Amino acid sequence: MSQEKNRKEYPIYEGFIKYFPDAILEVAHVSFVANEQHNPGQPMHWDRSKSTDEPDAGMRHTIDRAKGELFDADGLRHTAKKAWRAMAELQKELEKK
């Protein structure tokens, strides 16, 4: 069944944006900073060739956060980076189906 037929079961605004507006902003900022770091001067894009270890990177941020570290060396929150990695992993998983 297509997503269009079930669009009420995918409440993007009510069930995601509205629940997590501040978290979404933080994850979007991670995207911006990473693009500036890995693709300086280029338009925003996800260079997947430079992003291949989502589970391991996510766990490294989880461990750092568990040790009490809120922020990574670049000033971004470990939890925001972990969330970005989780979304990247989920996106790739869904694309394989």
Protein backbone atom coordinates (compact mmCIF):
# COMPACT_ATOMS: atom_id res chain seq x y z
CA MET A 1 0.00 0.00 0.00
CA SER A 2 1.34 3.42 -0.88
CA GLN A 3 2.15 6.11 1.65
CA GLU A 4 -0.39 8.35 -0.10
CA LYS A 5 -3.22 5.95 0.73
CA ASN A 6 -2.12 5.84 4.36
CA ARG A 7 -1.06 9.46 4.78
CA LYS A 8 -3.03 9.79 8.04
CA GLU A 9 -0.77 7.07 9.46
CA TYR A 10 2.27 9.28 8.80
CA PRO A 11 1.62 12.39 10.93
CA ILE A 12 4.82 14.23 10.01
CA TYR A 13 3.86 17.49 11.67
CA GLU A 14 1.65 16.28 14.53
CA GLY A 15 3.69 13.19 15.33
CA PHE A 16 7.24 14.36 14.70
CA ILE A 17 7.83 18.08 14.11
CA LYS A 18 5.44 19.15 16.85
CA TYR A 19 6.86 16.61 19.33
CA PHE A 20 10.54 17.42 18.79
CA PRO A 21 11.01 20.96 17.39
CA ASP A 22 14.13 21.79 19.39
CA ALA A 23 15.73 18.40 18.77
CA ILE A 24 15.07 18.69 15.03
CA LEU A 25 16.77 22.10 15.01
CA GLU A 26 19.82 20.63 16.75
CA VAL A 27 20.09 17.74 14.29
CA ALA A 28 19.71 20.14 11.36
CA HIS A 29 22.56 22.21 12.84
CA VAL A 30 24.70 19.06 12.95
CA SER A 31 24.01 18.68 9.22
CA PHE A 32 25.08 22.27 8.58
CA VAL A 33 28.31 22.03 10.58
CA ALA A 34 29.20 18.67 9.01
CA ASN A 35 28.60 20.05 5.53
CA GLU A 36 30.86 23.02 6.27
CA GLN A 37 33.53 20.62 7.58
CA HIS A 38 33.36 17.91 4.93
CA ASN A 39 32.14 19.90 1.91
CA PRO A 40 33.34 23.48 2.41
CA GLY A 41 31.88 25.92 -0.06
CA GLN A 42 29.43 23.40 -1.47
CA PRO A 43 25.64 23.46 -1.15
CA MET A 44 24.16 21.36 1.63
CA HIS A 45 24.29 17.69 0.71
CA TRP A 46 24.87 14.34 2.36
CA ASP A 47 28.07 12.90 0.93
CA ARG A 48 27.38 9.27 1.69
CA SER A 49 30.90 8.24 0.73
CA LYS A 50 32.06 10.08 3.87
CA SER A 51 29.28 8.64 6.06
CA THR A 52 29.52 4.88 6.26
CA ASP A 53 29.75 3.90 9.93
CA GLU A 54 26.47 5.12 11.43
CA PRO A 55 26.09 2.38 14.09
CA ASP A 56 29.67 2.71 15.37
CA ALA A 57 29.69 6.50 15.32
CA GLY A 58 26.30 6.61 17.05
CA MET A 59 27.59 4.32 19.80
CA ARG A 60 30.73 6.43 20.27
CA HIS A 61 28.49 9.44 20.91
CA THR A 62 26.34 7.33 23.25
CA ILE A 63 29.42 6.32 25.25
CA ASP A 64 30.73 9.87 25.45
CA ARG A 65 27.32 11.07 26.65
CA ALA A 66 27.15 8.21 29.19
CA LYS A 67 30.49 9.43 30.59
CA GLY A 68 28.81 12.76 31.27
CA GLU A 69 30.10 14.68 28.26
CA LEU A 70 27.33 16.85 26.81
CA PHE A 71 29.37 18.35 23.97
CA ASP A 72 31.84 17.03 21.41
CA ALA A 73 35.09 18.86 20.66
CA ASP A 74 33.35 20.94 17.98
CA GLY A 75 30.74 22.22 20.45
CA LEU A 76 27.89 20.10 19.12
CA ARG A 77 25.87 17.91 21.44
CA HIS A 78 26.73 14.24 21.44
CA THR A 79 23.01 13.43 21.57
CA ALA A 80 22.35 15.53 18.45
CA LYS A 81 25.15 13.74 16.61
CA LYS A 82 23.82 10.40 17.82
CA ALA A 83 20.34 11.35 16.56
CA TRP A 84 21.78 12.34 13.16
CA ARG A 85 23.56 8.99 12.90
CA ALA A 86 20.37 7.14 13.90
CA MET A 87 18.37 8.98 11.23
CA ALA A 88 21.07 8.23 8.63
CA GLU A 89 21.06 4.55 9.56
CA LEU A 90 17.26 4.40 9.40
CA GLN A 91 17.18 6.20 6.03
CA LYS A 92 19.63 3.73 4.52
CA GLU A 93 17.70 0.80 6.00
CA LEU A 94 14.40 2.04 4.54
CA GLU A 95 15.98 2.59 1.14
CA LYS A 96 17.01 -1.08 1.02
CA LYS A 97 13.48 -2.43 1.41
